[in-house]
C-alpha atoms as a PDB file:
ATOM      1  CA  MET A   1      -0.034  -0.084   0.021  1.00  0.00           C
ATOM      2  CA  THR A   2       1.555   3.345  -0.515  1.00  0.00           C
ATOM      3  CA  LEU A   3      -0.003   7.166  -0.453  1.00  0.00           C
ATOM      4  CA  GLY A   4      -1.165   6.555  -4.273  1.00  0.00           C
ATOM      5  CA  PHE A   5      -3.753   3.878  -2.514  1.00  0.00           C
ATOM      6  CA  LEU A   6      -4.782   6.398  -0.056  1.00  0.00           C
ATOM      7  CA  SER A   7      -5.434   9.343  -3.233  1.00  0.00           C
ATOM      8  CA  ARG A   8      -7.730   6.496  -5.128  1.00  0.00           C
ATOM      9  CA  ALA A   9      -9.054   5.329  -1.843  1.00  0.00           C
ATOM     10  CA  GLY A  10     -10.501   8.870  -0.933  1.00  0.00           C
ATOM     11  CA  LEU A  11      -8.846   9.326   2.572  1.00  0.00           C
ATOM     12  CA  ALA A  12     -11.918  10.825   5.079  1.00  0.00           C
ATOM     13  CA  LEU A  13     -10.906  13.011   8.086  1.00  0.00           C
ATOM     14  CA  ALA A  14     -13.105  13.445  10.647  1.00  0.00           C
ATOM     15  CA  LEU A  15     -12.157  16.607  12.834  1.00  0.00           C
ATOM     16  CA  GLY A  16     -13.688  16.858  16.180  1.00  0.00           C
ATOM     17  CA  PHE A  17     -13.838  19.910  17.809  1.00  0.00           C
ATOM     18  CA  ALA A  18     -14.471  21.095  21.311  1.00  0.00           C
ATOM     19  CA  VAL A  19     -14.449  25.068  20.517  1.00  0.00           C
ATOM     20  CA  THR A  20     -14.958  28.188  22.612  1.00  0.00           C
ATOM     21  CA  PRO A  21     -15.216  31.989  20.927  1.00  0.00           C
ATOM     22  CA  ALA A  22     -11.804  34.119  21.726  1.00  0.00           C
ATOM     23  CA  LEU A  23     -12.517  37.126  20.236  1.00  0.00           C
ATOM     24  CA  ALA A  24     -15.529  37.948  17.834  1.00  0.00           C
ATOM     25  CA  ASP A  25     -15.454  35.156  15.651  1.00  0.00           C
ATOM     26  CA  ASN A  26     -12.376  33.583  16.356  1.00  0.00           C
ATOM     27  CA  TRP A  27     -12.657  30.346  18.074  1.00  0.00           C
ATOM     28  CA  THR A  28      -9.890  28.393  20.315  1.00  0.00           C
ATOM     29  CA  VAL A  29     -10.186  24.385  20.048  1.00  0.00           C
ATOM     30  CA  ASP A  30     -10.344  22.557  23.101  1.00  0.00           C
ATOM     31  CA  ARG A  31      -7.427  20.159  22.499  1.00  0.00           C
ATOM     32  CA  ASP A  32      -8.757  18.186  26.002  1.00  0.00           C
ATOM     33  CA  THR A  33     -12.004  17.697  24.387  1.00  0.00           C
ATOM     34  CA  SER A  34     -10.883  17.591  20.439  1.00  0.00           C
ATOM     35  CA  THR A  35      -9.801  14.616  18.070  1.00  0.00           C
ATOM     36  CA  LEU A  36      -8.640  14.594  14.456  1.00  0.00           C
ATOM     37  CA  GLY A  37      -8.745  11.500  12.947  1.00  0.00           C
ATOM     38  CA  PHE A  38      -9.127   9.439   9.558  1.00  0.00           C
ATOM     39  CA  SER A  39     -11.122   6.085   8.241  1.00  0.00           C
ATOM     40  CA  VAL A  40      -9.250   4.879   4.944  1.00  0.00           C
ATOM     41  CA  PRO A  41     -11.079   1.347   3.402  1.00  0.00           C
ATOM     42  CA  LEU A  42      -8.640  -1.521   3.836  1.00  0.00           C
ATOM     43  CA  GLY A  43     -10.172  -4.470   1.830  1.00  0.00           C
ATOM     44  CA  GLU A  44     -13.662  -5.719   4.032  1.00  0.00           C
ATOM     45  CA  GLU A  45     -12.520  -3.206   6.958  1.00  0.00           C
ATOM     46  CA  ALA A  46     -11.049   0.165   7.371  1.00  0.00           C
ATOM     47  CA  LEU A  47      -8.213   1.584   8.827  1.00  0.00           C
ATOM     48  CA  THR A  48      -8.879   4.407  11.136  1.00  0.00           C
ATOM     49  CA  GLY A  49      -6.496   6.018  13.625  1.00  0.00           C
ATOM     50  CA  THR A  50      -5.688   9.567  15.356  1.00  0.00           C
ATOM     51  CA  PHE A  51      -3.131  12.568  14.896  1.00  0.00           C
ATOM     52  CA  GLY A  52      -1.796  13.444  18.154  1.00  0.00           C
ATOM     53  CA  SER A  53      -0.205  16.846  16.869  1.00  0.00           C
ATOM     54  CA  TRP A  54      -1.828  19.548  15.059  1.00  0.00           C
ATOM     55  CA  THR A  55      -3.431  22.806  15.757  1.00  0.00           C
ATOM     56  CA  ALA A  56      -6.517  24.289  13.923  1.00  0.00           C
ATOM     57  CA  ASP A  57      -7.830  28.135  12.672  1.00  0.00           C
ATOM     58  CA  ILE A  58     -11.505  29.089  13.532  1.00  0.00           C
ATOM     59  CA  ASP A  59     -13.371  31.921  11.982  1.00  0.00           C
ATOM     60  CA  PHE A  60     -16.883  31.109  12.569  1.00  0.00           C
ATOM     61  CA  ASP A  61     -19.848  32.528  13.260  1.00  0.00           C
ATOM     62  CA  PRO A  62     -22.921  30.765  13.399  1.00  0.00           C
ATOM     63  CA  ALA A  63     -24.861  33.458  12.276  1.00  0.00           C
ATOM     64  CA  ASN A  64     -22.899  33.767   8.971  1.00  0.00           C
ATOM     65  CA  VAL A  65     -22.331  29.972   8.702  1.00  0.00           C
ATOM     66  CA  GLU A  66     -21.083  30.703   4.288  1.00  0.00           C
ATOM     67  CA  ALA A  67     -18.216  32.963   5.875  1.00  0.00           C
ATOM     68  CA  ALA A  68     -16.645  30.429   8.187  1.00  0.00           C
ATOM     69  CA  THR A  69     -13.279  29.582   7.135  1.00  0.00           C
ATOM     70  CA  ILE A  70     -11.009  26.472   8.972  1.00  0.00           C
ATOM     71  CA  SER A  71      -7.416  25.640   8.496  1.00  0.00           C
ATOM     72  CA  ALA A  72      -5.378  22.896  10.252  1.00  0.00           C
ATOM     73  CA  SER A  73      -2.378  21.986  10.174  1.00  0.00           C
ATOM     74  CA  ILE A  74      -1.746  18.333  11.033  1.00  0.00           C
ATOM     75  CA  ASP A  75       1.721  16.447  12.301  1.00  0.00           C
ATOM     76  CA  THR A  76       2.113  13.657   9.715  1.00  0.00           C
ATOM     77  CA  GLY A  77       4.370  12.150  12.310  1.00  0.00           C
ATOM     78  CA  SER A  78       2.221  11.662  15.330  1.00  0.00           C
ATOM     79  CA  VAL A  79       0.049   9.119  13.290  1.00  0.00           C
ATOM     80  CA  VAL A  80      -1.948   6.656  15.943  1.00  0.00           C
ATOM     81  CA  THR A  81      -3.616   3.437  14.795  1.00  0.00           C
ATOM     82  CA  GLY A  82      -3.365   0.921  17.971  1.00  0.00           C
ATOM     83  CA  ASN A  83      -1.857  -1.379  15.305  1.00  0.00           C
ATOM     84  CA  PRO A  84       2.357  -1.475  15.798  1.00  0.00           C
ATOM     85  CA  GLN A  85       2.552  -2.335  12.028  1.00  0.00           C
ATOM     86  CA  TYR A  86       0.266   0.752  10.709  1.00  0.00           C
ATOM     87  CA  ASP A  87       2.023   3.025  12.965  1.00  0.00           C
ATOM     88  CA  GLY A  88       5.590   1.737  11.958  1.00  0.00           C
ATOM     89  CA  MET A  89       4.514   2.143   7.976  1.00  0.00           C
ATOM     90  CA  LEU A  90       2.273   5.676   8.141  1.00  0.00           C
ATOM     91  CA  PRO A  91       5.253   7.719   8.610  1.00  0.00           C
ATOM     92  CA  SER A  92       7.647   5.947   5.521  1.00  0.00           C
ATOM     93  CA  PRO A  93       8.885   7.657   2.419  1.00  0.00           C
ATOM     94  CA  ASP A  94       5.444   5.378   1.396  1.00  0.00           C
ATOM     95  CA  TRP A  95       3.132   6.787   3.181  1.00  0.00           C
ATOM     96  CA  PHE A  96       3.146   9.993   4.733  1.00  0.00           C
ATOM     97  CA  ASP A  97       7.161  10.515   4.092  1.00  0.00           C
ATOM     98  CA  SER A  98       6.915  12.240   7.618  1.00  0.00           C
ATOM     99  CA  ASN A  99      10.545  13.515   7.420  1.00  0.00           C
ATOM    100  CA  THR A 100      10.335  14.925   3.847  1.00  0.00           C
ATOM    101  CA  PHE A 101       6.870  16.014   4.258  1.00  0.00           C
ATOM    102  CA  PRO A 102       6.476  16.527   7.858  1.00  0.00           C
ATOM    103  CA  ALA A 103       2.743  18.422   8.050  1.00  0.00           C
ATOM    104  CA  ALA A 104      -0.576  18.191   6.125  1.00  0.00           C
ATOM    105  CA  SER A 105      -2.864  21.252   5.472  1.00  0.00           C
ATOM    106  CA  PHE A 106      -6.855  21.174   5.622  1.00  0.00           C
ATOM    107  CA  SER A 107      -8.333  24.305   4.227  1.00  0.00           C
ATOM    108  CA  SER A 108     -11.983  25.155   4.141  1.00  0.00           C
ATOM    109  CA  ASP A 109     -13.673  26.235   0.154  1.00  0.00           C
ATOM    110  CA  LYS A 110     -17.360  25.871   2.005  1.00  0.00           C
ATOM    111  CA  VAL A 111     -18.709  25.451   5.449  1.00  0.00           C
ATOM    112  CA  THR A 112     -22.365  24.630   5.711  1.00  0.00           C
ATOM    113  CA  SER A 113     -25.103  23.914   8.720  1.00  0.00           C
ATOM    114  CA  LEU A 114     -26.378  20.612   9.368  1.00  0.00           C
ATOM    115  CA  GLY A 115     -28.798  21.850  11.837  1.00  0.00           C
ATOM    116  CA  GLY A 116     -28.949  22.197  15.367  1.00  0.00           C
ATOM    117  CA  ASN A 117     -25.062  22.803  16.441  1.00  0.00           C
ATOM    118  CA  SER A 118     -23.720  20.222  13.857  1.00  0.00           C
ATOM    119  CA  TYR A 119     -21.876  21.823  10.743  1.00  0.00           C
ATOM    120  CA  GLN A 120     -19.846  20.171   7.635  1.00  0.00           C
ATOM    121  CA  ALA A 121     -16.519  21.419   6.208  1.00  0.00           C
ATOM    122  CA  GLU A 122     -15.380  21.146   2.780  1.00  0.00           C
ATOM    123  CA  GLY A 123     -11.970  21.586   1.378  1.00  0.00           C
ATOM    124  CA  SER A 124      -8.172  20.991   0.352  1.00  0.00           C
ATOM    125  CA  LEU A 125      -6.309  18.447   2.172  1.00  0.00           C
ATOM    126  CA  LYS A 126      -3.009  18.768   0.797  1.00  0.00           C
ATOM    127  CA  ILE A 127      -0.574  15.495   1.727  1.00  0.00           C
ATOM    128  CA  ARG A 128       2.860  15.268   0.595  1.00  0.00           C
ATOM    129  CA  ASP A 129       2.490  18.448  -0.814  1.00  0.00           C
ATOM    130  CA  ILE A 130      -0.217  17.012  -3.671  1.00  0.00           C
END
């Protein structure tokens, strides 16, 4: 398996934020209750994992969701799946190549309300400059 497989399979990132307003529309992520994870189809199952080190910038006003912007920087070397084999492989050159590309990034293009306090962000995920 290589990063090419990840691209073809489609990488789904789940970013669970517990946020509090800082100033105006800028939000601060509560690191104690927030996670950034992923799920990739792998045969009949899915490979899931989380990243231990990441940052996010959120400019969000629930009254003006269309103007929201979200960006995140993810330390690719901090990936954990709970499977020692994958945990050793994912930072390697065949996957994230964490030594050459230590960070992945996400930038939202569109944020929509799903009702209540649920929102969906669509955007670009850049891994290994792709």
